[in-house]
């Protein structure tokens, strides 16, 4: 029987490669999109002739609008950094889930956590983790026409769990993941430009014993628009369920929280923030096994 920690190191190394490959593919796609957008913009401006000056002036105005948008976003962030004092119910979400004791096999705390930057690199890892910080933000620039001036970011928190079943059977997991933070999604699309903002928060789980099992995913929220102005706190205790057919041997579970943001065009802004301010963090998920 392999040492549980040596297996975990192998799993994490393979996961690193997977995340890096996904990040490289996303960056390559962005480069190609910007290359195509630049070529199309040149053709469009050439075809417009004297009217191209109108488009350039509108782009200048768009840059001024972006400055005003930045001011609004900074104001929104300042209001979202702290939990409203009048809302005392928010922190009750950190209480353990109400799970029936009947058939409860174990309650698992994370064995290890690994946080990934959008470029696929790791910026934090640790055993027996406590609260961690995770955030991303993307800002667009320019007119956004043909997909130009876009930026996207995707960061991950991987929580790893390990336990040893004593009977060959199906095991059911109730996964509880307290999350405290906020999101901002802003874009002001006009006639002469193409602006968009998108924020998305997902959670997934995958088991491992001898090989990887099926992955289960749940979307927690997804906001996207060309004319959008959303800024709100997210203090919640999302719960998801997962099942695994296991033998009497060491088993593993990886719970992943994924933060995605996309912004196109000057002033467009996408942000998910579970970090800034004392009120914002990801608490260690708890897994109830039955």
C-alpha atoms as a PDB file:
ATOM      1  CA  UNK A   1       0.000   0.000   0.000  1.00  0.00           C
ATOM      2  CA  UNK A   2       1.406   3.380  -0.979  1.00  0.00           C
ATOM      3  CA  UNK A   3       1.913   6.109   1.580  1.00  0.00           C
ATOM      4  CA  UNK A   4      -1.135   8.437   1.334  1.00  0.00           C
ATOM      5  CA  UNK A   5       1.049  11.525   1.139  1.00  0.00           C
ATOM      6  CA  UNK A   6       3.163  10.108  -1.696  1.00  0.00           C
ATOM      7  CA  UNK A   7      -0.007   9.431  -3.688  1.00  0.00           C
ATOM      8  CA  UNK A   8      -1.208  12.956  -3.001  1.00  0.00           C
ATOM      9  CA  UNK A   9       2.067  14.400  -4.271  1.00  0.00           C
ATOM     10  CA  UNK A  10       1.648  12.434  -7.504  1.00  0.00           C
ATOM     11  CA  UNK A  11      -1.946  13.640  -7.882  1.00  0.00           C
ATOM     12  CA  UNK A  12      -0.984  17.262  -7.243  1.00  0.00           C
ATOM     13  CA  UNK A  13       1.901  17.082  -9.746  1.00  0.00           C
ATOM     14  CA  UNK A  14      -0.462  15.744 -12.415  1.00  0.00           C
ATOM     15  CA  UNK A  15      -2.992  18.428 -11.533  1.00  0.00           C
ATOM     16  CA  UNK A  16      -0.308  21.120 -11.900  1.00  0.00           C
ATOM     17  CA  UNK A  17       0.370  19.943 -15.442  1.00  0.00           C
ATOM     18  CA  UNK A  18      -3.358  19.927 -16.236  1.00  0.00           C
ATOM     19  CA  UNK A  19      -3.878  23.472 -14.938  1.00  0.00           C
ATOM     20  CA  UNK A  20      -0.789  24.770 -16.762  1.00  0.00           C
ATOM     21  CA  UNK A  21      -1.939  23.219 -20.053  1.00  0.00           C
ATOM     22  CA  UNK A  22      -5.392  24.749 -19.691  1.00  0.00           C
ATOM     23  CA  UNK A  23      -3.887  28.143 -18.910  1.00  0.00           C
ATOM     24  CA  UNK A  24      -1.556  27.968 -21.919  1.00  0.00           C
ATOM     25  CA  UNK A  25      -4.488  27.103 -24.198  1.00  0.00           C
ATOM     26  CA  UNK A  26      -6.511  30.039 -22.884  1.00  0.00           C
ATOM     27  CA  UNK A  27      -3.618  32.482 -23.368  1.00  0.00           C
ATOM     28  CA  UNK A  28      -2.997  31.190 -26.904  1.00  0.00           C
ATOM     29  CA  UNK A  29      -6.679  31.696 -27.731  1.00  0.00           C
ATOM     30  CA  UNK A  30      -6.520  35.282 -26.441  1.00  0.00           C
ATOM     31  CA  UNK A  31      -3.464  36.055 -28.561  1.00  0.00           C
ATOM     32  CA  UNK A  32      -5.196  34.668 -31.650  1.00  0.00           C
ATOM     33  CA  UNK A  33      -8.393  36.627 -30.915  1.00  0.00           C
ATOM     34  CA  UNK A  34      -6.441  39.876 -30.585  1.00  0.00           C
ATOM     35  CA  UNK A  35      -4.506  39.136 -33.783  1.00  0.00           C
ATOM     36  CA  UNK A  36      -7.708  38.594 -35.756  1.00  0.00           C
ATOM     37  CA  UNK A  37      -9.354  41.654 -34.168  1.00  0.00           C
ATOM     38  CA  UNK A  38      -6.406  43.849 -35.116  1.00  0.00           C
ATOM     39  CA  UNK A  39      -6.559  42.687 -38.732  1.00  0.00           C
ATOM     40  CA  UNK A  40     -10.320  43.233 -38.953  1.00  0.00           C
ATOM     41  CA  UNK A  41     -10.035  46.678 -37.380  1.00  0.00           C
ATOM     42  CA  UNK A  42      -7.423  47.731 -39.933  1.00  0.00           C
ATOM     43  CA  UNK A  43      -9.660  46.571 -42.782  1.00  0.00           C
ATOM     44  CA  UNK A  44     -12.729  48.304 -41.334  1.00  0.00           C
ATOM     45  CA  UNK A  45     -10.918  51.613 -40.823  1.00  0.00           C
ATOM     46  CA  UNK A  46      -9.556  51.454 -44.350  1.00  0.00           C
ATOM     47  CA  UNK A  47     -13.014  50.811 -45.775  1.00  0.00           C
ATOM     48  CA  UNK A  48     -14.520  53.710 -43.809  1.00  0.00           C
ATOM     49  CA  UNK A  49     -12.194  56.265 -45.379  1.00  0.00           C
ATOM     50  CA  UNK A  50     -12.889  59.752 -43.998  1.00  0.00           C
ATOM     51  CA  UNK A  51     -15.513  58.329 -41.634  1.00  0.00           C
ATOM     52  CA  UNK A  52     -12.708  56.543 -39.773  1.00  0.00           C
ATOM     53  CA  UNK A  53     -11.997  59.823 -37.985  1.00  0.00           C
ATOM     54  CA  UNK A  54     -15.456  59.651 -36.438  1.00  0.00           C
ATOM     55  CA  UNK A  55     -14.691  56.208 -35.065  1.00  0.00           C
ATOM     56  CA  UNK A  56     -11.380  57.441 -33.648  1.00  0.00           C
ATOM     57  CA  UNK A  57     -13.111  60.354 -31.897  1.00  0.00           C
ATOM     58  CA  UNK A  58     -15.686  57.984 -30.438  1.00  0.00           C
ATOM     59  CA  UNK A  59     -12.843  55.801 -29.169  1.00  0.00           C
ATOM     60  CA  UNK A  60     -11.345  58.830 -27.431  1.00  0.00           C
ATOM     61  CA  UNK A  61     -14.697  59.462 -25.748  1.00  0.00           C
ATOM     62  CA  UNK A  62     -14.811  55.810 -24.764  1.00  0.00           C
ATOM     63  CA  UNK A  63     -11.476  56.234 -22.986  1.00  0.00           C
ATOM     64  CA  UNK A  64     -12.936  59.146 -21.031  1.00  0.00           C
ATOM     65  CA  UNK A  65     -15.930  56.989 -20.119  1.00  0.00           C
ATOM     66  CA  UNK A  66     -13.491  54.353 -18.862  1.00  0.00           C
ATOM     67  CA  UNK A  67     -12.049  56.833 -16.358  1.00  0.00           C
ATOM     68  CA  UNK A  68     -15.518  57.508 -14.966  1.00  0.00           C
ATOM     69  CA  UNK A  69     -16.229  53.769 -14.855  1.00  0.00           C
ATOM     70  CA  UNK A  70     -13.052  53.219 -12.823  1.00  0.00           C
ATOM     71  CA  UNK A  71     -14.201  55.812 -10.289  1.00  0.00           C
ATOM     72  CA  UNK A  72     -17.584  54.096  -9.930  1.00  0.00           C
ATOM     73  CA  UNK A  73     -15.964  50.689  -9.525  1.00  0.00           C
ATOM     74  CA  UNK A  74     -13.632  51.954  -6.788  1.00  0.00           C
ATOM     75  CA  UNK A  75     -16.622  53.364  -4.925  1.00  0.00           C
ATOM     76  CA  UNK A  76     -18.516  50.074  -5.247  1.00  0.00           C
ATOM     77  CA  UNK A  77     -15.535  48.084  -3.983  1.00  0.00           C
ATOM     78  CA  UNK A  78     -15.196  50.322  -0.933  1.00  0.00           C
ATOM     79  CA  UNK A  79     -18.808  49.558   0.039  1.00  0.00           C
ATOM     80  CA  UNK A  80     -18.397  45.816  -0.514  1.00  0.00           C
ATOM     81  CA  UNK A  81     -15.223  45.217   1.492  1.00  0.00           C
ATOM     82  CA  UNK A  82     -17.049  44.725   4.780  1.00  0.00           C
ATOM     83  CA  UNK A  83     -20.144  42.722   5.703  1.00  0.00           C
ATOM     84  CA  UNK A  84     -23.046  45.061   6.537  1.00  0.00           C
ATOM     85  CA  UNK A  85     -23.215  45.330  10.326  1.00  0.00           C
ATOM     86  CA  UNK A  86     -26.990  45.161  10.180  1.00  0.00           C
ATOM     87  CA  UNK A  87     -26.824  41.676   8.642  1.00  0.00           C
ATOM     88  CA  UNK A  88     -25.788  39.509  11.585  1.00  0.00           C
ATOM     89  CA  UNK A  89     -27.207  36.406   9.910  1.00  0.00           C
ATOM     90  CA  UNK A  90     -24.396  36.241   7.357  1.00  0.00           C
ATOM     91  CA  UNK A  91     -21.853  34.561   9.614  1.00  0.00           C
ATOM     92  CA  UNK A  92     -24.293  31.808  10.525  1.00  0.00           C
ATOM     93  CA  UNK A  93     -23.336  30.322   7.151  1.00  0.00           C
ATOM     94  CA  UNK A  94     -20.038  29.235   8.703  1.00  0.00           C
ATOM     95  CA  UNK A  95     -21.846  26.890  11.063  1.00  0.00           C
ATOM     96  CA  UNK A  96     -21.635  23.162  10.303  1.00  0.00           C
ATOM     97  CA  UNK A  97     -24.274  21.813   7.965  1.00  0.00           C
ATOM     98  CA  UNK A  98     -27.277  20.067   9.407  1.00  0.00           C
ATOM     99  CA  UNK A  99     -26.545  16.468   8.420  1.00  0.00           C
ATOM    100  CA  UNK A 100     -28.367  13.526   9.955  1.00  0.00           C
ATOM    101  CA  UNK A 101     -26.228  11.360  12.236  1.00  0.00           C
ATOM    102  CA  UNK A 102     -27.947   8.281  10.840  1.00  0.00           C
ATOM    103  CA  UNK A 103     -25.479   6.538   8.601  1.00  0.00           C
ATOM    104  CA  UNK A 104     -22.807   9.233   9.017  1.00  0.00           C
ATOM    105  CA  UNK A 105     -19.449   7.557   8.389  1.00  0.00           C
ATOM    106  CA  UNK A 106     -16.999  10.433   8.864  1.00  0.00           C
ATOM    107  CA  UNK A 107     -16.569  14.205   8.806  1.00  0.00           C
ATOM    108  CA  UNK A 108     -13.530  15.219   6.784  1.00  0.00           C
ATOM    109  CA  UNK A 109     -11.452  18.392   6.956  1.00  0.00           C
ATOM    110  CA  UNK A 110      -9.100  19.296   4.097  1.00  0.00           C
ATOM    111  CA  UNK A 111      -5.742  17.552   4.176  1.00  0.00           C
ATOM    112  CA  UNK A 112      -4.106  19.963   1.722  1.00  0.00           C
ATOM    113  CA  UNK A 113      -4.923  23.096  -0.291  1.00  0.00           C
ATOM    114  CA  UNK A 114      -3.367  24.500  -3.472  1.00  0.00           C
ATOM    115  CA  UNK A 115      -4.216  27.859  -5.042  1.00  0.00           C
ATOM    116  CA  UNK A 116      -3.522  28.524  -8.721  1.00  0.00           C
ATOM    117  CA  UNK A 117      -2.893  31.809 -10.509  1.00  0.00           C
ATOM    118  CA  UNK A 118      -4.518  32.383 -13.877  1.00  0.00           C
ATOM    119  CA  UNK A 119      -1.187  31.655 -15.613  1.00  0.00           C
ATOM    120  CA  UNK A 120      -1.161  28.146 -14.131  1.00  0.00           C
ATOM    121  CA  UNK A 121       1.453  28.829 -11.473  1.00  0.00           C
ATOM    122  CA  UNK A 122       0.900  28.140  -7.783  1.00  0.00           C
ATOM    123  CA  UNK A 123       0.845  31.012  -5.310  1.00  0.00           C
ATOM    124  CA  UNK A 124      -0.030  29.103  -2.137  1.00  0.00           C
ATOM    125  CA  UNK A 125      -0.010  25.501  -0.871  1.00  0.00           C
ATOM    126  CA  UNK A 126      -0.363  24.107   2.614  1.00  0.00           C
ATOM    127  CA  UNK A 127      -1.320  21.136   4.777  1.00  0.00           C
ATOM    128  CA  UNK A 128      -4.187  21.259   7.314  1.00  0.00           C
ATOM    129  CA  UNK A 129      -5.332  24.592   5.841  1.00  0.00           C
ATOM    130  CA  UNK A 130      -7.413  27.315   7.429  1.00  0.00           C
ATOM    131  CA  UNK A 131      -9.065  30.251   5.684  1.00  0.00           C
ATOM    132  CA  UNK A 132      -7.452  31.266   2.380  1.00  0.00           C
ATOM    133  CA  UNK A 133      -7.650  34.277   0.070  1.00  0.00           C
ATOM    134  CA  UNK A 134      -8.597  33.971  -3.602  1.00  0.00           C
ATOM    135  CA  UNK A 135      -9.495  36.697  -6.092  1.00  0.00           C
ATOM    136  CA  UNK A 136      -9.366  37.690  -9.734  1.00  0.00           C
ATOM    137  CA  UNK A 137     -10.115  40.787 -11.783  1.00  0.00           C
ATOM    138  CA  UNK A 138     -10.029  41.612 -15.478  1.00  0.00           C
ATOM    139  CA  UNK A 139     -10.176  45.008 -17.197  1.00  0.00           C
ATOM    140  CA  UNK A 140     -10.907  45.611 -20.861  1.00  0.00           C
ATOM    141  CA  UNK A 141      -9.461  48.378 -22.995  1.00  0.00           C
ATOM    142  CA  UNK A 142     -10.070  50.135 -26.279  1.00  0.00           C
ATOM    143  CA  UNK A 143     -13.260  49.895 -28.317  1.00  0.00           C
ATOM    144  CA  UNK A 144     -13.701  46.144 -27.948  1.00  0.00           C
ATOM    145  CA  UNK A 145     -14.629  45.885 -31.630  1.00  0.00           C
ATOM    146  CA  UNK A 146     -14.125  42.449 -33.177  1.00  0.00           C
ATOM    147  CA  UNK A 147     -13.152  41.078 -29.759  1.00  0.00           C
ATOM    148  CA  UNK A 148     -10.197  43.422 -29.275  1.00  0.00           C
ATOM    149  CA  UNK A 149      -9.185  44.868 -25.923  1.00  0.00           C
ATOM    150  CA  UNK A 150     -10.284  41.797 -23.972  1.00  0.00           C
ATOM    151  CA  UNK A 151      -8.822  40.162 -20.890  1.00  0.00           C
ATOM    152  CA  UNK A 152      -9.825  37.008 -19.044  1.00  0.00           C
ATOM    153  CA  UNK A 153      -8.673  35.433 -15.830  1.00  0.00           C
ATOM    154  CA  UNK A 154      -9.370  32.078 -14.188  1.00  0.00           C
ATOM    155  CA  UNK A 155      -8.088  31.161 -10.711  1.00  0.00           C
ATOM    156  CA  UNK A 156      -8.615  27.947  -8.745  1.00  0.00           C
ATOM    157  CA  UNK A 157      -8.648  26.689  -5.173  1.00  0.00           C
ATOM    158  CA  UNK A 158      -8.085  22.918  -4.907  1.00  0.00           C
ATOM    159  CA  UNK A 159      -8.964  21.358  -1.552  1.00  0.00           C
ATOM    160  CA  UNK A 160      -7.736  17.767  -1.133  1.00  0.00           C
ATOM    161  CA  UNK A 161      -9.285  15.258   1.281  1.00  0.00           C
ATOM    162  CA  UNK A 162      -8.059  11.777   2.242  1.00  0.00           C
ATOM    163  CA  UNK A 163      -9.674   8.951   4.180  1.00  0.00           C
ATOM    164  CA  UNK A 164      -9.704   5.145   4.393  1.00  0.00           C
ATOM    165  CA  UNK A 165     -13.046   3.362   3.891  1.00  0.00           C
ATOM    166  CA  UNK A 166     -13.371   0.061   5.743  1.00  0.00           C
ATOM    167  CA  UNK A 167     -16.036  -1.550   3.529  1.00  0.00           C
ATOM    168  CA  UNK A 168     -16.441  -1.938  -0.234  1.00  0.00           C
ATOM    169  CA  UNK A 169     -19.544   0.131  -1.104  1.00  0.00           C
ATOM    170  CA  UNK A 170     -20.891   3.411  -2.407  1.00  0.00           C
ATOM    171  CA  UNK A 171     -20.030   6.449  -0.267  1.00  0.00           C
ATOM    172  CA  UNK A 172     -21.997   9.679  -0.356  1.00  0.00           C
ATOM    173  CA  UNK A 173     -20.386  13.067   0.247  1.00  0.00           C
ATOM    174  CA  UNK A 174     -22.139  16.228   1.392  1.00  0.00           C
ATOM    175  CA  UNK A 175     -19.692  19.043   0.670  1.00  0.00           C
ATOM    176  CA  UNK A 176     -20.127  22.352   2.499  1.00  0.00           C
ATOM    177  CA  UNK A 177     -17.936  25.287   1.426  1.00  0.00           C
ATOM    178  CA  UNK A 178     -18.375  28.651   3.231  1.00  0.00           C
ATOM    179  CA  UNK A 179     -17.436  31.590   0.999  1.00  0.00           C
ATOM    180  CA  UNK A 180     -17.329  35.285   1.873  1.00  0.00           C
ATOM    181  CA  UNK A 181     -16.550  37.927  -0.718  1.00  0.00           C
ATOM    182  CA  UNK A 182     -18.006  40.088  -3.463  1.00  0.00           C
ATOM    183  CA  UNK A 183     -18.240  40.475  -7.221  1.00  0.00           C
ATOM    184  CA  UNK A 184     -18.310  43.416  -9.632  1.00  0.00           C
ATOM    185  CA  UNK A 185     -19.432  43.092 -13.251  1.00  0.00           C
ATOM    186  CA  UNK A 186     -19.532  46.302 -15.298  1.00  0.00           C
ATOM    187  CA  UNK A 187     -19.759  47.091 -19.020  1.00  0.00           C
ATOM    188  CA  UNK A 188     -21.294  50.073 -20.843  1.00  0.00           C
ATOM    189  CA  UNK A 189     -21.703  49.136 -24.497  1.00  0.00           C
ATOM    190  CA  UNK A 190     -22.406  51.849 -27.092  1.00  0.00           C
ATOM    191  CA  UNK A 191     -23.084  52.235 -30.790  1.00  0.00           C
ATOM    192  CA  UNK A 192     -19.449  52.653 -31.852  1.00  0.00           C
ATOM    193  CA  UNK A 193     -17.902  50.056 -29.560  1.00  0.00           C
ATOM    194  CA  UNK A 194     -18.419  46.523 -28.271  1.00  0.00           C
ATOM    195  CA  UNK A 195     -18.047  46.086 -24.530  1.00  0.00           C
ATOM    196  CA  UNK A 196     -18.801  43.122 -22.289  1.00  0.00           C
ATOM    197  CA  UNK A 197     -18.175  41.851 -18.763  1.00  0.00           C
ATOM    198  CA  UNK A 198     -18.625  38.357 -17.359  1.00  0.00           C
ATOM    199  CA  UNK A 199     -18.149  36.833 -13.888  1.00  0.00           C
ATOM    200  CA  UNK A 200     -18.698  33.185 -13.033  1.00  0.00           C
ATOM    201  CA  UNK A 201     -18.235  31.087  -9.883  1.00  0.00           C
ATOM    202  CA  UNK A 202     -18.203  27.276  -9.991  1.00  0.00           C
ATOM    203  CA  UNK A 203     -17.535  24.401  -7.629  1.00  0.00           C
ATOM    204  CA  UNK A 204     -16.634  20.836  -8.588  1.00  0.00           C
ATOM    205  CA  UNK A 205     -15.688  17.536  -6.956  1.00  0.00           C
ATOM    206  CA  UNK A 206     -13.820  14.479  -8.205  1.00  0.00           C
ATOM    207  CA  UNK A 207     -12.848  11.306  -6.364  1.00  0.00           C
ATOM    208  CA  UNK A 208      -9.751   9.151  -6.758  1.00  0.00           C
ATOM    209  CA  UNK A 209      -8.950   5.591  -5.786  1.00  0.00           C
ATOM    210  CA  UNK A 210      -6.582   3.755  -8.157  1.00  0.00           C
ATOM    211  CA  UNK A 211      -7.908   6.087 -10.876  1.00  0.00           C
ATOM    212  CA  UNK A 212     -10.010   9.213 -11.202  1.00  0.00           C
ATOM    213  CA  UNK A 213     -13.778   8.917 -10.901  1.00  0.00           C
ATOM    214  CA  UNK A 214     -16.387  11.041 -12.665  1.00  0.00           C
ATOM    215  CA  UNK A 215     -16.388  14.788 -11.986  1.00  0.00           C
ATOM    216  CA  UNK A 216     -19.461  16.574 -10.663  1.00  0.00           C
ATOM    217  CA  UNK A 217     -19.852  20.352 -11.033  1.00  0.00           C
ATOM    218  CA  UNK A 218     -22.264  23.042  -9.891  1.00  0.00           C
ATOM    219  CA  UNK A 219     -22.503  26.664 -11.009  1.00  0.00           C
ATOM    220  CA  UNK A 220     -23.000  29.082  -8.107  1.00  0.00           C
ATOM    221  CA  UNK A 221     -23.601  32.180 -10.231  1.00  0.00           C
ATOM    222  CA  UNK A 222     -22.961  33.407 -13.762  1.00  0.00           C
ATOM    223  CA  UNK A 223     -23.477  37.047 -14.829  1.00  0.00           C
ATOM    224  CA  UNK A 224     -22.683  38.263 -18.336  1.00  0.00           C
ATOM    225  CA  UNK A 225     -23.739  41.265 -20.384  1.00  0.00           C
ATOM    226  CA  UNK A 226     -22.771  44.094 -22.732  1.00  0.00           C
ATOM    227  CA  UNK A 227     -24.709  46.606 -20.662  1.00  0.00           C
ATOM    228  CA  UNK A 228     -24.357  45.403 -17.105  1.00  0.00           C
ATOM    229  CA  UNK A 229     -23.679  47.006 -13.735  1.00  0.00           C
ATOM    230  CA  UNK A 230     -23.711  44.508 -10.876  1.00  0.00           C
ATOM    231  CA  UNK A 231     -21.870  44.830  -7.575  1.00  0.00           C
ATOM    232  CA  UNK A 232     -22.858  42.703  -4.640  1.00  0.00           C
ATOM    233  CA  UNK A 233     -21.560  40.629  -1.763  1.00  0.00           C
ATOM    234  CA  UNK A 234     -21.535  36.838  -1.863  1.00  0.00           C
ATOM    235  CA  UNK A 235     -21.756  35.438   1.665  1.00  0.00           C
ATOM    236  CA  UNK A 236     -22.936  31.911   1.252  1.00  0.00           C
ATOM    237  CA  UNK A 237     -22.485  28.320   2.240  1.00  0.00           C
ATOM    238  CA  UNK A 238     -22.903  26.381  -1.027  1.00  0.00           C
ATOM    239  CA  UNK A 239     -23.576  22.671  -0.675  1.00  0.00           C
ATOM    240  CA  UNK A 240     -22.987  20.028  -3.311  1.00  0.00           C
ATOM    241  CA  UNK A 241     -23.284  16.244  -3.344  1.00  0.00           C
ATOM    242  CA  UNK A 242     -20.995  13.584  -4.709  1.00  0.00           C
ATOM    243  CA  UNK A 243     -20.960   9.758  -4.663  1.00  0.00           C
ATOM    244  CA  UNK A 244     -18.106   7.324  -5.097  1.00  0.00           C
ATOM    245  CA  UNK A 245     -17.838   3.536  -5.305  1.00  0.00           C
ATOM    246  CA  UNK A 246     -14.804   2.693  -3.136  1.00  0.00           C
ATOM    247  CA  UNK A 247     -12.914  -0.292  -1.825  1.00  0.00           C
ATOM    248  CA  UNK A 248     -11.347  -0.689   1.614  1.00  0.00           C
ATOM    249  CA  UNK A 249      -8.243   1.332   0.818  1.00  0.00           C
ATOM    250  CA  UNK A 250      -7.012   4.927   0.868  1.00  0.00           C
ATOM    251  CA  UNK A 251      -9.306   7.236  -1.094  1.00  0.00           C
ATOM    252  CA  UNK A 252      -9.083  10.892  -2.099  1.00  0.00           C
ATOM    253  CA  UNK A 253     -11.463  13.703  -2.960  1.00  0.00           C
ATOM    254  CA  UNK A 254     -10.629  17.018  -4.635  1.00  0.00           C
ATOM    255  CA  UNK A 255     -13.031  19.937  -4.225  1.00  0.00           C
ATOM    256  CA  UNK A 256     -12.324  22.879  -6.543  1.00  0.00           C
ATOM    257  CA  UNK A 257     -13.619  26.443  -6.444  1.00  0.00           C
ATOM    258  CA  UNK A 258     -13.169  28.236  -9.775  1.00  0.00           C
ATOM    259  CA  UNK A 259     -13.353  32.018 -10.263  1.00  0.00           C
ATOM    260  CA  UNK A 260     -13.656  33.298 -13.843  1.00  0.00           C
ATOM    261  CA  UNK A 261     -13.727  36.885 -15.075  1.00  0.00           C
ATOM    262  CA  UNK A 262     -13.786  38.399 -18.581  1.00  0.00           C
ATOM    263  CA  UNK A 263     -13.859  42.032 -19.667  1.00  0.00           C
ATOM    264  CA  UNK A 264     -13.785  43.588 -23.163  1.00  0.00           C
ATOM    265  CA  UNK A 265     -13.531  47.272 -24.057  1.00  0.00           C
ATOM    266  CA  UNK A 266     -12.401  50.300 -22.071  1.00  0.00           C
ATOM    267  CA  UNK A 267     -14.067  50.637 -18.664  1.00  0.00           C
ATOM    268  CA  UNK A 268     -15.338  47.058 -18.645  1.00  0.00           C
ATOM    269  CA  UNK A 269     -14.505  45.319 -15.374  1.00  0.00           C
ATOM    270  CA  UNK A 270     -14.977  41.817 -13.983  1.00  0.00           C
ATOM    271  CA  UNK A 271     -13.956  40.982 -10.428  1.00  0.00           C
ATOM    272  CA  UNK A 272     -14.521  38.184  -7.926  1.00  0.00           C
ATOM    273  CA  UNK A 273     -12.888  38.932  -4.599  1.00  0.00           C
ATOM    274  CA  UNK A 274     -12.638  36.542  -1.675  1.00  0.00           C
ATOM    275  CA  UNK A 275      -9.583  38.268  -0.261  1.00  0.00           C
ATOM    276  CA  UNK A 276      -9.571  42.040   0.316  1.00  0.00           C
ATOM    277  CA  UNK A 277     -10.693  43.157   3.747  1.00  0.00           C
ATOM    278  CA  UNK A 278     -11.055  41.106   6.908  1.00  0.00           C
ATOM    279  CA  UNK A 279     -14.569  39.964   5.943  1.00  0.00           C
ATOM    280  CA  UNK A 280     -13.546  38.160   2.765  1.00  0.00           C
ATOM    281  CA  UNK A 281     -12.069  34.665   2.490  1.00  0.00           C
ATOM    282  CA  UNK A 282     -12.731  31.046   1.564  1.00  0.00           C
ATOM    283  CA  UNK A 283     -13.211  28.891   4.627  1.00  0.00           C
ATOM    284  CA  UNK A 284     -12.057  25.243   4.525  1.00  0.00           C
ATOM    285  CA  UNK A 285     -14.854  23.065   3.122  1.00  0.00           C
ATOM    286  CA  UNK A 286     -16.205  20.269   5.293  1.00  0.00           C
ATOM    287  CA  UNK A 287     -17.162  16.897   3.823  1.00  0.00           C
ATOM    288  CA  UNK A 288     -19.769  14.701   5.512  1.00  0.00           C
ATOM    289  CA  UNK A 289     -19.375  11.072   4.415  1.00  0.00           C
ATOM    290  CA  UNK A 290     -22.231   8.600   4.736  1.00  0.00           C
END
